[in-house]
Amino acid sequence: MDSITNHPELLALHKSVSKHSMYNKILTVSDLKIMMETHVFAVWDFMSLLKRLQREITCVELPWKPSPYPSKIVRLINEIVLGEESDLDQNDEATDHFTLYLKAMEEIGAKTSHLKSFIADQDFTKLTNAQRNFVQYHLSLASSGGIHEVAAAFFFGREKLIPDMFTSIISDLEKNIDKKDQDLFPNLKYYLVRHIELDGSEHGPRAEECLAILCGNDRKKLEEARLAGVKSLKLRTALWDEVESSLR
């Protein structure tokens, strides 16, 4: 597993995405709205990756049956689901992270209708090229990819990436957006900080352990997992490139 975790291409892509130049182009609340209106698609399709892991590794069918996977990995997935679907917000009220992000969007006047319309009808023609490629890949992977490939996209493209990526975003927001406007998005700040804490200390290590168990020492699975991680990170790069091109 260490051989792919430290693979040069994955490390380079991780660094590139976590330090993407788009973050430094967000200079106003209007720019932030543009970013969030695209990023929300990644917030949403993340849950399908997680649910595929939960559906296959744990038991969510009736009648209940013991999981064929080790109890350790079942616990790892259930703990991540608990945090993502019923975390506590800054008011100690239970919420899922997707709903928290929508609340953060509404707080600054970002449009949520585009994403909600897509969820309702799954019409990919409504999406931009980068949005469509990103969402199509991850939904297809969640639906029919190997469980080790799903776990790889989940780890490399999300749980491992997010703490570094969000740290960069927060740093640039605090540096570039006018101080008087920074109080306009407390829910977004909480969302970003919470994910840095949660993914960095809990979800990231659990997702990595989950991937290691699913791949074992199977060279074919390890290579397929590496390729899934690379694909996910490249699509994230394209997503940020597209947002950057739409900013001033």
Protein backbone atom coordinates (compact mmCIF):
# COMPACT_ATOMS: atom_id res chain seq x y z
CA MET A 1 0.00 0.00 0.00
CA ASP A 2 2.86 2.36 0.80
CA SER A 3 4.03 1.91 -2.79
CA ILE A 4 0.96 3.71 -4.15
CA THR A 5 0.45 6.15 -1.27
CA ASN A 6 3.88 7.59 -2.03
CA HIS A 7 3.70 7.17 -5.80
CA PRO A 8 5.35 10.22 -7.46
CA GLU A 9 2.41 10.94 -9.77
CA LEU A 10 -0.12 10.86 -6.94
CA LEU A 11 2.09 13.04 -4.74
CA ALA A 12 2.60 15.56 -7.55
CA LEU A 13 -1.12 15.73 -8.34
CA HIS A 14 -1.98 16.08 -4.66
CA LYS A 15 0.42 19.01 -4.32
CA SER A 16 -0.84 20.62 -7.53
CA VAL A 17 -4.49 20.47 -6.49
CA SER A 18 -3.89 21.49 -2.88
CA LYS A 19 -1.95 24.59 -4.07
CA HIS A 20 -4.01 25.37 -7.17
CA SER A 21 -3.70 28.95 -8.42
CA MET A 22 -7.50 29.30 -8.54
CA TYR A 23 -7.70 29.81 -4.77
CA ASN A 24 -5.66 32.99 -4.99
CA LYS A 25 -8.01 34.37 -7.67
CA ILE A 26 -10.95 34.53 -5.24
CA LEU A 27 -10.83 38.22 -4.41
CA THR A 28 -14.48 39.07 -3.71
CA VAL A 29 -17.63 37.46 -2.36
CA SER A 30 -18.84 37.30 -5.98
CA ASP A 31 -15.78 35.22 -6.87
CA LEU A 32 -16.47 32.98 -3.88
CA LYS A 33 -20.01 32.39 -5.15
CA ILE A 34 -18.65 31.21 -8.50
CA MET A 35 -16.30 28.76 -6.82
CA MET A 36 -18.97 27.39 -4.49
CA GLU A 37 -21.50 26.92 -7.29
CA THR A 38 -19.08 24.44 -8.89
CA HIS A 39 -17.55 22.96 -5.74
CA VAL A 40 -21.00 21.93 -4.49
CA PHE A 41 -21.05 19.19 -7.16
CA ALA A 42 -17.96 17.64 -5.55
CA VAL A 43 -19.55 17.98 -2.10
CA TRP A 44 -22.61 16.13 -3.40
CA ASP A 45 -21.06 13.27 -5.40
CA PHE A 46 -18.70 12.50 -2.52
CA MET A 47 -21.68 11.03 -0.68
CA SER A 48 -22.29 8.48 -3.46
CA LEU A 49 -18.73 7.20 -3.09
CA LEU A 50 -19.23 6.90 0.65
CA LYS A 51 -22.59 5.20 0.27
CA ARG A 52 -21.15 2.63 -2.14
CA LEU A 53 -18.51 1.81 0.47
CA GLN A 54 -21.15 1.57 3.19
CA ARG A 55 -23.51 -0.52 1.06
CA GLU A 56 -20.87 -3.06 0.11
CA ILE A 57 -18.77 -3.23 3.27
CA THR A 58 -21.54 -3.03 5.87
CA CYS A 59 -25.03 -4.48 5.67
CA VAL A 60 -27.89 -2.15 4.78
CA GLU A 61 -30.21 -4.83 3.41
CA LEU A 62 -33.03 -6.85 4.96
CA PRO A 63 -32.77 -9.34 6.47
CA TRP A 64 -29.48 -8.26 8.02
CA LYS A 65 -26.45 -10.47 7.45
CA PRO A 66 -22.95 -10.23 8.90
CA SER A 67 -20.51 -8.42 6.65
CA PRO A 68 -18.04 -10.57 4.70
CA TYR A 69 -15.40 -7.96 5.51
CA PRO A 70 -13.38 -7.74 8.75
CA SER A 71 -15.22 -5.98 11.56
CA LYS A 72 -12.43 -3.42 11.70
CA ILE A 73 -13.21 -2.09 8.22
CA VAL A 74 -16.97 -2.15 8.92
CA ARG A 75 -16.37 0.09 11.91
CA LEU A 76 -14.13 2.42 9.91
CA ILE A 77 -16.83 3.02 7.30
CA ASN A 78 -19.63 3.40 9.84
CA GLU A 79 -17.58 5.98 11.73
CA ILE A 80 -17.03 8.02 8.56
CA VAL A 81 -20.74 7.83 7.68
CA LEU A 82 -21.64 9.02 11.17
CA GLY A 83 -19.48 12.10 10.74
CA GLU A 84 -20.59 12.91 7.20
CA GLU A 85 -24.33 12.34 7.63
CA SER A 86 -24.92 13.49 11.19
CA ASP A 87 -22.09 15.71 12.36
CA LEU A 88 -22.71 18.60 14.76
CA ASP A 89 -22.68 22.13 13.40
CA GLN A 90 -21.40 25.21 15.23
CA ASN A 91 -24.69 25.30 17.18
CA ASP A 92 -24.35 21.65 18.26
CA GLU A 93 -27.23 20.65 16.01
CA ALA A 94 -27.02 17.48 13.92
CA THR A 95 -26.52 18.01 10.19
CA ASP A 96 -25.04 16.29 7.18
CA HIS A 97 -22.14 18.08 5.53
CA PHE A 98 -23.91 18.54 2.20
CA THR A 99 -26.78 20.41 3.88
CA LEU A 100 -24.25 22.50 5.79
CA TYR A 101 -22.57 23.45 2.51
CA LEU A 102 -25.91 24.44 0.94
CA LYS A 103 -26.55 26.60 3.98
CA ALA A 104 -23.16 28.22 3.49
CA MET A 105 -24.01 28.90 -0.15
CA GLU A 106 -27.37 30.44 0.69
CA GLU A 107 -25.68 32.57 3.34
CA ILE A 108 -23.71 34.51 0.71
CA GLY A 109 -26.31 34.35 -2.04
CA ALA A 110 -24.69 31.62 -4.16
CA LYS A 111 -27.15 29.78 -6.39
CA THR A 112 -28.09 26.24 -5.34
CA SER A 113 -30.76 25.77 -8.02
CA HIS A 114 -28.30 24.42 -10.62
CA LEU A 115 -27.22 21.55 -8.38
CA LYS A 116 -30.74 20.84 -7.09
CA SER A 117 -32.08 20.71 -10.65
CA PHE A 118 -29.37 18.25 -11.64
CA ILE A 119 -30.08 16.01 -8.65
CA ALA A 120 -33.75 15.95 -9.66
CA ASP A 121 -33.33 15.02 -13.32
CA GLN A 122 -29.70 13.84 -13.75
CA ASP A 123 -29.47 15.83 -16.99
CA PHE A 124 -25.73 16.02 -17.62
CA THR A 125 -26.24 18.46 -20.49
CA LYS A 126 -26.94 21.11 -17.86
CA LEU A 127 -23.39 20.85 -16.53
CA THR A 128 -20.20 22.48 -17.73
CA ASN A 129 -17.58 20.20 -19.29
CA ALA A 130 -15.48 19.93 -16.15
CA GLN A 131 -18.49 19.48 -13.88
CA ARG A 132 -19.89 16.78 -16.16
CA ASN A 133 -16.62 14.85 -16.43
CA PHE A 134 -16.02 15.05 -12.68
CA VAL A 135 -19.50 13.95 -11.62
CA GLN A 136 -19.91 11.31 -14.34
CA TYR A 137 -16.67 9.60 -13.38
CA HIS A 138 -17.39 9.47 -9.68
CA LEU A 139 -21.02 8.41 -10.04
CA SER A 140 -20.01 5.70 -12.52
CA LEU A 141 -17.30 4.54 -10.14
CA ALA A 142 -19.76 4.50 -7.24
CA SER A 143 -22.23 2.49 -9.30
CA SER A 144 -20.03 -0.09 -10.99
CA GLY A 145 -16.35 0.35 -10.10
CA GLY A 146 -14.37 -2.11 -8.05
CA ILE A 147 -14.75 -1.44 -4.34
CA HIS A 148 -10.98 -0.86 -4.08
CA GLU A 149 -11.21 1.72 -6.88
CA VAL A 150 -14.03 3.51 -5.07
CA ALA A 151 -11.96 3.51 -1.88
CA ALA A 152 -8.99 4.93 -3.81
CA ALA A 153 -10.95 7.85 -5.28
CA PHE A 154 -12.47 8.39 -1.85
CA PHE A 155 -9.05 8.52 -0.18
CA PHE A 156 -6.76 10.17 -2.73
CA GLY A 157 -9.36 12.46 -4.29
CA ARG A 158 -11.17 13.46 -1.10
CA GLU A 159 -10.11 12.50 2.42
CA LYS A 160 -6.36 12.81 1.91
CA LEU A 161 -6.67 15.89 -0.28
CA ILE A 162 -9.25 17.98 1.55
CA PRO A 163 -7.24 19.06 4.64
CA ASP A 164 -4.42 20.48 2.51
CA MET A 165 -6.76 21.91 -0.11
CA PHE A 166 -9.06 23.60 2.39
CA THR A 167 -6.10 24.97 4.34
CA SER A 168 -4.94 26.70 1.16
CA ILE A 169 -8.43 28.01 0.43
CA ILE A 170 -8.85 29.47 3.93
CA SER A 171 -5.41 31.08 3.77
CA ASP A 172 -6.18 32.77 0.45
CA LEU A 173 -9.67 33.85 1.49
CA GLU A 174 -8.31 35.51 4.62
CA LYS A 175 -5.53 37.16 2.64
CA ASN A 176 -7.52 38.33 -0.39
CA ILE A 177 -11.10 39.08 0.60
CA ASP A 178 -11.79 42.42 2.24
CA LYS A 179 -11.87 42.10 6.03
CA LYS A 180 -15.34 43.62 6.26
CA ASP A 181 -16.70 40.89 3.96
CA GLN A 182 -15.16 37.94 5.79
CA ASP A 183 -17.94 37.93 8.38
CA LEU A 184 -20.46 37.24 5.60
CA PHE A 185 -19.69 33.52 5.39
CA PRO A 186 -19.33 31.97 8.89
CA ASN A 187 -20.94 28.68 7.78
CA LEU A 188 -18.39 28.23 5.00
CA LYS A 189 -15.52 28.93 7.39
CA TYR A 190 -16.93 26.39 9.82
CA TYR A 191 -17.37 23.85 7.02
CA LEU A 192 -13.78 24.27 5.85
CA VAL A 193 -12.23 24.21 9.32
CA ARG A 194 -14.35 21.24 10.39
CA HIS A 195 -13.20 19.21 7.40
CA ILE A 196 -9.56 20.08 8.01
CA GLU A 197 -9.96 18.78 11.57
CA LEU A 198 -12.11 15.75 10.80
CA ASP A 199 -10.44 14.53 7.62
CA GLY A 200 -6.95 15.27 8.83
CA SER A 201 -7.20 13.47 12.15
CA GLU A 202 -9.97 10.89 11.67
CA HIS A 203 -11.52 10.30 8.24
CA GLY A 204 -8.29 10.46 6.28
CA PRO A 205 -6.45 7.81 8.30
CA ARG A 206 -9.58 5.62 8.37
CA ALA A 207 -10.04 5.90 4.61
CA GLU A 208 -6.38 5.01 4.08
CA GLU A 209 -6.67 1.96 6.31
CA CYS A 210 -9.84 0.94 4.52
CA LEU A 211 -8.08 1.14 1.14
CA ALA A 212 -5.11 -0.86 2.44
CA ILE A 213 -7.39 -3.65 3.67
CA LEU A 214 -9.34 -3.76 0.40
CA CYS A 215 -6.20 -3.93 -1.76
CA GLY A 216 -4.07 -6.12 0.45
CA ASN A 217 -0.97 -7.23 -1.48
CA ASP A 218 -2.87 -7.74 -4.73
CA ARG A 219 -0.76 -5.99 -7.36
CA LYS A 220 -3.63 -5.69 -9.82
CA LYS A 221 -5.88 -4.04 -7.24
CA LEU A 222 -3.09 -1.73 -6.13
CA GLU A 223 -2.51 -0.57 -9.69
CA GLU A 224 -6.23 -0.10 -10.33
CA ALA A 225 -6.48 1.87 -7.09
CA ARG A 226 -3.57 4.06 -8.11
CA LEU A 227 -5.15 4.80 -11.48
CA ALA A 228 -8.48 5.67 -9.82
CA GLY A 229 -6.70 8.08 -7.50
CA VAL A 230 -4.85 9.69 -10.40
CA LYS A 231 -8.05 10.06 -12.41
CA SER A 232 -9.92 11.65 -9.52
CA LEU A 233 -7.15 14.17 -8.88
CA LYS A 234 -6.83 15.05 -12.57
CA LEU A 235 -10.57 15.68 -12.79
CA ARG A 236 -10.38 17.90 -9.71
CA THR A 237 -7.59 19.86 -11.41
CA ALA A 238 -9.78 20.34 -14.48
CA LEU A 239 -12.64 21.46 -12.26
CA TRP A 240 -10.50 24.15 -10.63
CA ASP A 241 -9.01 25.15 -13.99
CA GLU A 242 -12.51 25.79 -15.29
CA VAL A 243 -13.47 27.84 -12.24
CA GLU A 244 -10.26 29.85 -12.52
CA SER A 245 -11.01 30.69 -16.14
CA SER A 246 -14.39 32.12 -15.13
CA LEU A 247 -12.92 34.40 -12.44
CA ARG A 248 -11.71 37.87 -13.24
